[in-house]
Each structure stands twice: as C-alpha cells, then as structure tokens.
Amino acid sequence: MIPAIYALLRKLIKLLTRSKPLLVLTLFAVVIVVNTFLFYWAEAVVGGRSDVDLFEALYWSVITSATVGYGDV
C-alpha cells in the first residue's frame, strides 16, 4: 500500500513540476482548503459559534486570499 502511494505522489509531483500554471493553481487550491478548515475550526470549534458553517469559512478564505490590502497605501 505504501509503495503505491509513494509512486502516485511521485507521478503527481512530476506532473506539477512540468506545468507551472498547474502548480500555482494547485498550491492556491491547497491554501484555500487549509484556510477554510482552519477558519471553521477557530470559529466553530474553539470559539463556540454555532452560526458558522463550511460555506461561510470557504467564502472568508477566498475573499481573504484574493483581495489586496488597499488600506496600507
């Protein structure tokens, strides 16, 4: 089982290093998913808010990652 997973990961890494736009898109998607679950965990589980769902966390993650902080100018 472990050698099969290792071989699959090697193929995936080879594919991603061949195509730079695919690598960037994949990394952005991973960041969005990780941020979504971290925000949900911080607000719903640790903070105790019952009105937070995964879609709100996904919205927060996309908006936060995609916007530029013009307040710094």
PDB file of N, CA and C in Angstrom:
ATOM      1  N   MET A   1       0.828  -1.200   0.000  1.00  0.00           N
ATOM      2  CA  MET A   1       0.000   0.000   0.000  1.00  0.00           C
ATOM      3  C   MET A   1       0.873   1.264   0.000  1.00  0.00           C
ATOM      4  N   ILE A   2       1.864   1.305   0.873  1.00  0.00           N
ATOM      5  CA  ILE A   2       2.730   2.473   0.968  1.00  0.00           C
ATOM      6  C   ILE A   2       3.516   2.692  -0.326  1.00  0.00           C
ATOM      7  N   PRO A   3       4.086   1.660  -0.958  1.00  0.00           N
ATOM      8  CA  PRO A   3       4.781   1.904  -2.232  1.00  0.00           C
ATOM      9  C   PRO A   3       3.857   2.448  -3.326  1.00  0.00           C
ATOM     10  N   ALA A   4       2.602   2.041  -3.322  1.00  0.00           N
ATOM     11  CA  ALA A   4       1.656   2.553  -4.315  1.00  0.00           C
ATOM     12  C   ALA A   4       1.377   4.036  -4.085  1.00  0.00           C
ATOM     13  N   ILE A   5       1.229   4.431  -2.839  1.00  0.00           N
ATOM     14  CA  ILE A   5       1.003   5.846  -2.524  1.00  0.00           C
ATOM     15  C   ILE A   5       2.242   6.665  -2.882  1.00  0.00           C
ATOM     16  N   TYR A   6       3.408   6.111  -2.579  1.00  0.00           N
ATOM     17  CA  TYR A   6       4.661   6.791  -2.903  1.00  0.00           C
ATOM     18  C   TYR A   6       4.806   6.987  -4.411  1.00  0.00           C
ATOM     19  N   ALA A   7       4.467   5.954  -5.176  1.00  0.00           N
ATOM     20  CA  ALA A   7       4.552   6.057  -6.636  1.00  0.00           C
ATOM     21  C   ALA A   7       3.556   7.083  -7.167  1.00  0.00           C
ATOM     22  N   LEU A   8       2.356   7.113  -6.606  1.00  0.00           N
ATOM     23  CA  LEU A   8       1.351   8.086  -7.025  1.00  0.00           C
ATOM     24  C   LEU A   8       1.804   9.507  -6.720  1.00  0.00           C
ATOM     25  N   LEU A   9       2.378   9.713  -5.552  1.00  0.00           N
ATOM     26  CA  LEU A   9       2.878  11.042  -5.203  1.00  0.00           C
ATOM     27  C   LEU A   9       4.033  11.471  -6.111  1.00  0.00           C
ATOM     28  N   ARG A  10       4.898  10.537  -6.474  1.00  0.00           N
ATOM     29  CA  ARG A  10       5.995  10.870  -7.393  1.00  0.00           C
ATOM     30  C   ARG A  10       5.461  11.290  -8.755  1.00  0.00           C
ATOM     31  N   LYS A  11       4.429  10.587  -9.253  1.00  0.00           N
ATOM     32  CA  LYS A  11       3.819  10.958 -10.532  1.00  0.00           C
ATOM     33  C   LYS A  11       3.167  12.323 -10.447  1.00  0.00           C
ATOM     34  N   LEU A  12       2.494  12.589  -9.332  1.00  0.00           N
ATOM     35  CA  LEU A  12       1.838  13.882  -9.147  1.00  0.00           C
ATOM     36  C   LEU A  12       2.865  15.007  -9.102  1.00  0.00           C
ATOM     37  N   ILE A  13       3.948  14.813  -8.401  1.00  0.00           N
ATOM     38  CA  ILE A  13       4.987  15.831  -8.322  1.00  0.00           C
ATOM     39  C   ILE A  13       5.626  16.053  -9.690  1.00  0.00           C
ATOM     40  N   LYS A  14       5.853  14.986 -10.423  1.00  0.00           N
ATOM     41  CA  LYS A  14       6.428  15.120 -11.766  1.00  0.00           C
ATOM     42  C   LYS A  14       5.492  15.910 -12.674  1.00  0.00           C
ATOM     43  N   LEU A  15       4.190  15.642 -12.580  1.00  0.00           N
ATOM     44  CA  LEU A  15       3.209  16.359 -13.389  1.00  0.00           C
ATOM     45  C   LEU A  15       3.169  17.840 -13.020  1.00  0.00           C
ATOM     46  N   LEU A  16       3.185  18.128 -11.726  1.00  0.00           N
ATOM     47  CA  LEU A  16       3.089  19.516 -11.282  1.00  0.00           C
ATOM     48  C   LEU A  16       4.349  20.316 -11.613  1.00  0.00           C
ATOM     49  N   THR A  17       5.498  19.691 -11.581  1.00  0.00           N
ATOM     50  CA  THR A  17       6.723  20.433 -11.903  1.00  0.00           C
ATOM     51  C   THR A  17       6.867  20.662 -13.391  1.00  0.00           C
ATOM     52  N   ARG A  18       6.171  19.899 -14.192  1.00  0.00           N
ATOM     53  CA  ARG A  18       6.220  20.098 -15.643  1.00  0.00           C
ATOM     54  C   ARG A  18       5.377  21.297 -16.074  1.00  0.00           C
ATOM     55  N   SER A  19       4.321  21.590 -15.356  1.00  0.00           N
ATOM     56  CA  SER A  19       3.405  22.660 -15.728  1.00  0.00           C
ATOM     57  C   SER A  19       3.336  23.693 -14.594  1.00  0.00           C
ATOM     58  N   LYS A  20       3.937  24.839 -14.789  1.00  0.00           N
ATOM     59  CA  LYS A  20       3.971  25.875 -13.760  1.00  0.00           C
ATOM     60  C   LYS A  20       2.579  26.447 -13.440  1.00  0.00           C
ATOM     61  N   PRO A  21       1.728  26.714 -14.448  1.00  0.00           N
ATOM     62  CA  PRO A  21       0.388  27.208 -14.090  1.00  0.00           C
ATOM     63  C   PRO A  21      -0.420  26.191 -13.273  1.00  0.00           C
ATOM     64  N   LEU A  22      -0.268  24.928 -13.593  1.00  0.00           N
ATOM     65  CA  LEU A  22      -0.966  23.895 -12.821  1.00  0.00           C
ATOM     66  C   LEU A  22      -0.433  23.835 -11.395  1.00  0.00           C
ATOM     67  N   LEU A  23       0.856  24.029 -11.229  1.00  0.00           N
ATOM     68  CA  LEU A  23       1.461  24.047  -9.898  1.00  0.00           C
ATOM     69  C   LEU A  23       0.917  25.211  -9.081  1.00  0.00           C
ATOM     70  N   VAL A  24       0.856  26.385  -9.670  1.00  0.00           N
ATOM     71  CA  VAL A  24       0.349  27.564  -8.970  1.00  0.00           C
ATOM     72  C   VAL A  24      -1.118  27.384  -8.604  1.00  0.00           C
ATOM     73  N   LEU A  25      -1.907  26.881  -9.527  1.00  0.00           N
ATOM     74  CA  LEU A  25      -3.331  26.645  -9.263  1.00  0.00           C
ATOM     75  C   LEU A  25      -3.527  25.609  -8.162  1.00  0.00           C
ATOM     76  N   THR A  26      -2.732  24.568  -8.177  1.00  0.00           N
ATOM     77  CA  THR A  26      -2.831  23.538  -7.151  1.00  0.00           C
ATOM     78  C   THR A  26      -2.448  24.083  -5.783  1.00  0.00           C
ATOM     79  N   LEU A  27      -1.377  24.852  -5.716  1.00  0.00           N
ATOM     80  CA  LEU A  27      -0.974  25.444  -4.443  1.00  0.00           C
ATOM     81  C   LEU A  27      -2.020  26.419  -3.919  1.00  0.00           C
ATOM     82  N   PHE A  28      -2.618  27.207  -4.810  1.00  0.00           N
ATOM     83  CA  PHE A  28      -3.675  28.131  -4.396  1.00  0.00           C
ATOM     84  C   PHE A  28      -4.874  27.353  -3.858  1.00  0.00           C
ATOM     85  N   ALA A  29      -5.242  26.260  -4.513  1.00  0.00           N
ATOM     86  CA  ALA A  29      -6.369  25.442  -4.046  1.00  0.00           C
ATOM     87  C   ALA A  29      -6.081  24.820  -2.684  1.00  0.00           C
ATOM     88  N   VAL A  30      -4.851  24.373  -2.488  1.00  0.00           N
ATOM     89  CA  VAL A  30      -4.479  23.791  -1.194  1.00  0.00           C
ATOM     90  C   VAL A  30      -4.551  24.850  -0.095  1.00  0.00           C
ATOM     91  N   VAL A  31      -4.068  26.045  -0.385  1.00  0.00           N
ATOM     92  CA  VAL A  31      -4.125  27.134   0.595  1.00  0.00           C
ATOM     93  C   VAL A  31      -5.575  27.467   0.941  1.00  0.00           C
ATOM     94  N   ILE A  32      -6.439  27.523  -0.049  1.00  0.00           N
ATOM     95  CA  ILE A  32      -7.856  27.827   0.188  1.00  0.00           C
ATOM     96  C   ILE A  32      -8.493  26.764   1.078  1.00  0.00           C
ATOM     97  N   VAL A  33      -8.249  25.498   0.777  1.00  0.00           N
ATOM     98  CA  VAL A  33      -8.853  24.416   1.559  1.00  0.00           C
ATOM     99  C   VAL A  33      -8.332  24.417   2.995  1.00  0.00           C
ATOM    100  N   VAL A  34      -7.028  24.586   3.165  1.00  0.00           N
ATOM    101  CA  VAL A  34      -6.456  24.606   4.520  1.00  0.00           C
ATOM    102  C   VAL A  34      -6.997  25.800   5.305  1.00  0.00           C
ATOM    103  N   ASN A  35      -7.034  26.976   4.681  1.00  0.00           N
ATOM    104  CA  ASN A  35      -7.569  28.161   5.361  1.00  0.00           C
ATOM    105  C   ASN A  35      -9.041  27.984   5.726  1.00  0.00           C
ATOM    106  N   THR A  36      -9.804  27.338   4.860  1.00  0.00           N
ATOM    107  CA  THR A  36     -11.220  27.103   5.141  1.00  0.00           C
ATOM    108  C   THR A  36     -11.389  26.281   6.405  1.00  0.00           C
ATOM    109  N   PHE A  37     -10.677  25.178   6.483  1.00  0.00           N
ATOM    110  CA  PHE A  37     -10.822  24.333   7.669  1.00  0.00           C
ATOM    111  C   PHE A  37     -10.249  24.975   8.919  1.00  0.00           C
ATOM    112  N   LEU A  38      -9.168  25.750   8.803  1.00  0.00           N
ATOM    113  CA  LEU A  38      -8.627  26.444   9.971  1.00  0.00           C
ATOM    114  C   LEU A  38      -9.586  27.510  10.484  1.00  0.00           C
ATOM    115  N   PHE A  39     -10.199  28.269   9.571  1.00  0.00           N
ATOM    116  CA  PHE A  39     -11.166  29.284   9.987  1.00  0.00           C
ATOM    117  C   PHE A  39     -12.380  28.630  10.647  1.00  0.00           C
ATOM    118  N   TYR A  40     -12.870  27.557  10.048  1.00  0.00           N
ATOM    119  CA  TYR A  40     -14.024  26.857  10.631  1.00  0.00           C
ATOM    120  C   TYR A  40     -13.672  26.319  12.015  1.00  0.00           C
ATOM    121  N   TRP A  41     -12.498  25.728  12.151  1.00  0.00           N
ATOM    122  CA  TRP A  41     -12.082  25.178  13.438  1.00  0.00           C
ATOM    123  C   TRP A  41     -11.953  26.288  14.482  1.00  0.00           C
ATOM    124  N   ALA A  42     -11.356  27.413  14.090  1.00  0.00           N
ATOM    125  CA  ALA A  42     -11.145  28.510  15.038  1.00  0.00           C
ATOM    126  C   ALA A  42     -12.458  29.144  15.471  1.00  0.00           C
ATOM    127  N   GLU A  43     -13.393  29.298  14.561  1.00  0.00           N
ATOM    128  CA  GLU A  43     -14.652  29.969  14.900  1.00  0.00           C
ATOM    129  C   GLU A  43     -15.681  29.030  15.520  1.00  0.00           C
ATOM    130  N   ALA A  44     -15.884  27.868  14.928  1.00  0.00           N
ATOM    131  CA  ALA A  44     -16.956  26.986  15.385  1.00  0.00           C
ATOM    132  C   ALA A  44     -16.533  26.104  16.552  1.00  0.00           C
ATOM    133  N   VAL A  45     -15.364  25.536  16.466  1.00  0.00           N
ATOM    134  CA  VAL A  45     -14.950  24.578  17.489  1.00  0.00           C
ATOM    135  C   VAL A  45     -14.356  25.287  18.700  1.00  0.00           C
ATOM    136  N   VAL A  46     -13.362  26.132  18.473  1.00  0.00           N
ATOM    137  CA  VAL A  46     -12.693  26.805  19.584  1.00  0.00           C
ATOM    138  C   VAL A  46     -13.525  27.973  20.092  1.00  0.00           C
ATOM    139  N   GLY A  47     -14.059  28.770  19.175  1.00  0.00           N
ATOM    140  CA  GLY A  47     -14.821  29.951  19.566  1.00  0.00           C
ATOM    141  C   GLY A  47     -16.228  29.662  20.059  1.00  0.00           C
ATOM    142  N   GLY A  48     -16.758  28.519  19.729  1.00  0.00           N
ATOM    143  CA  GLY A  48     -18.084  28.141  20.203  1.00  0.00           C
ATOM    144  C   GLY A  48     -19.242  28.763  19.444  1.00  0.00           C
ATOM    145  N   ARG A  49     -18.988  29.350  18.284  1.00  0.00           N
ATOM    146  CA  ARG A  49     -20.080  29.930  17.496  1.00  0.00           C
ATOM    147  C   ARG A  49     -20.822  28.828  16.766  1.00  0.00           C
ATOM    148  N   SER A  50     -22.134  28.847  16.859  1.00  0.00           N
ATOM    149  CA  SER A  50     -22.933  27.802  16.202  1.00  0.00           C
ATOM    150  C   SER A  50     -23.452  28.252  14.840  1.00  0.00           C
ATOM    151  N   ASP A  51     -23.248  29.517  14.492  1.00  0.00           N
ATOM    152  CA  ASP A  51     -23.782  30.027  13.230  1.00  0.00           C
ATOM    153  C   ASP A  51     -22.761  29.986  12.091  1.00  0.00           C
ATOM    154  N   VAL A  52     -21.584  29.418  12.307  1.00  0.00           N
ATOM    155  CA  VAL A  52     -20.559  29.336  11.272  1.00  0.00           C
ATOM    156  C   VAL A  52     -20.660  27.973  10.596  1.00  0.00           C
ATOM    157  N   ASP A  53     -20.673  27.979   9.258  1.00  0.00           N
ATOM    158  CA  ASP A  53     -20.654  26.715   8.520  1.00  0.00           C
ATOM    159  C   ASP A  53     -19.464  26.718   7.565  1.00  0.00           C
ATOM    160  N   LEU A  54     -19.261  25.605   6.884  1.00  0.00           N
ATOM    161  CA  LEU A  54     -18.109  25.493   5.998  1.00  0.00           C
ATOM    162  C   LEU A  54     -18.196  26.428   4.799  1.00  0.00           C
ATOM    163  N   PHE A  55     -19.402  26.734   4.334  1.00  0.00           N
ATOM    164  CA  PHE A  55     -19.533  27.640   3.198  1.00  0.00           C
ATOM    165  C   PHE A  55     -19.126  29.063   3.586  1.00  0.00           C
ATOM    166  N   GLU A  56     -19.456  29.482   4.786  1.00  0.00           N
ATOM    167  CA  GLU A  56     -19.015  30.792   5.252  1.00  0.00           C
ATOM    168  C   GLU A  56     -17.494  30.819   5.414  1.00  0.00           C
ATOM    169  N   ALA A  57     -16.937  29.730   5.900  1.00  0.00           N
ATOM    170  CA  ALA A  57     -15.480  29.640   6.034  1.00  0.00           C
ATOM    171  C   ALA A  57     -14.803  29.646   4.666  1.00  0.00           C
ATOM    172  N   LEU A  58     -15.405  28.968   3.683  1.00  0.00           N
ATOM    173  CA  LEU A  58     -14.860  28.975   2.324  1.00  0.00           C
ATOM    174  C   LEU A  58     -14.925  30.377   1.728  1.00  0.00           C
ATOM    175  N   TYR A  59     -16.039  31.065   1.921  1.00  0.00           N
ATOM    176  CA  TYR A  59     -16.176  32.434   1.437  1.00  0.00           C
ATOM    177  C   TYR A  59     -15.104  33.332   2.054  1.00  0.00           C
ATOM    178  N   TRP A  60     -14.918  33.228   3.366  1.00  0.00           N
ATOM    179  CA  TRP A  60     -13.906  34.020   4.051  1.00  0.00           C
ATOM    180  C   TRP A  60     -12.521  33.724   3.489  1.00  0.00           C
ATOM    181  N   SER A  61     -12.228  32.465   3.261  1.00  0.00           N
ATOM    182  CA  SER A  61     -10.911  32.070   2.768  1.00  0.00           C
ATOM    183  C   SER A  61     -10.646  32.622   1.371  1.00  0.00           C
ATOM    184  N   VAL A  62     -11.619  32.516   0.478  1.00  0.00           N
ATOM    185  CA  VAL A  62     -11.435  33.011  -0.894  1.00  0.00           C
ATOM    186  C   VAL A  62     -11.299  34.529  -0.900  1.00  0.00           C
ATOM    187  N   ILE A  63     -12.163  35.222  -0.189  1.00  0.00           N
ATOM    188  CA  ILE A  63     -12.121  36.687  -0.171  1.00  0.00           C
ATOM    189  C   ILE A  63     -10.823  37.180   0.466  1.00  0.00           C
ATOM    190  N   THR A  64     -10.405  36.557   1.540  1.00  0.00           N
ATOM    191  CA  THR A  64      -9.176  36.977   2.210  1.00  0.00           C
ATOM    192  C   THR A  64      -7.953  36.720   1.343  1.00  0.00           C
ATOM    193  N   SER A  65      -7.934  35.606   0.627  1.00  0.00           N
ATOM    194  CA  SER A  65      -6.778  35.273  -0.206  1.00  0.00           C
ATOM    195  C   SER A  65      -6.744  36.072  -1.505  1.00  0.00           C
ATOM    196  N   ALA A  66      -7.889  36.508  -1.989  1.00  0.00           N
ATOM    197  CA  ALA A  66      -7.951  37.133  -3.304  1.00  0.00           C
ATOM    198  C   ALA A  66      -7.943  38.657  -3.273  1.00  0.00           C
ATOM    199  N   THR A  67      -8.122  39.262  -2.136  1.00  0.00           N
ATOM    200  CA  THR A  67      -8.173  40.715  -2.103  1.00  0.00           C
ATOM    201  C   THR A  67      -6.820  41.313  -1.746  1.00  0.00           C
ATOM    202  N   VAL A  68      -6.669  42.582  -2.103  1.00  0.00           N
ATOM    203  CA  VAL A  68      -5.439  43.318  -1.839  1.00  0.00           C
ATOM    204  C   VAL A  68      -5.728  44.317  -0.742  1.00  0.00           C
ATOM    205  N   GLY A  69      -4.797  44.462   0.180  1.00  0.00           N
ATOM    206  CA  GLY A  69      -4.991  45.394   1.293  1.00  0.00           C
ATOM    207  C   GLY A  69      -4.706  46.825   0.912  1.00  0.00           C
ATOM    208  N   TYR A  70      -5.692  47.521   0.354  1.00  0.00           N
ATOM    209  CA  TYR A  70      -5.502  48.907  -0.051  1.00  0.00           C
ATOM    210  C   TYR A  70      -5.423  49.849   1.141  1.00  0.00           C
ATOM    211  N   GLY A  71      -5.738  49.380   2.324  1.00  0.00           N
ATOM    212  CA  GLY A  71      -5.649  50.233   3.495  1.00  0.00           C
ATOM    213  C   GLY A  71      -4.218  50.578   3.882  1.00  0.00           C
ATOM    214  N   ASP A  72      -3.276  49.849   3.330  1.00  0.00           N
ATOM    215  CA  ASP A  72      -1.863  50.101   3.648  1.00  0.00           C
ATOM    216  C   ASP A  72      -1.295  51.262   2.844  1.00  0.00           C
ATOM    217  N   VAL A  73      -1.993  51.696   1.802  1.00  0.00           N
ATOM    218  CA  VAL A  73      -1.452  52.726   0.920  1.00  0.00           C
ATOM    219  C   VAL A  73      -1.618  54.090   1.547  1.00  0.00           C
TER     220      VAL A  73
END
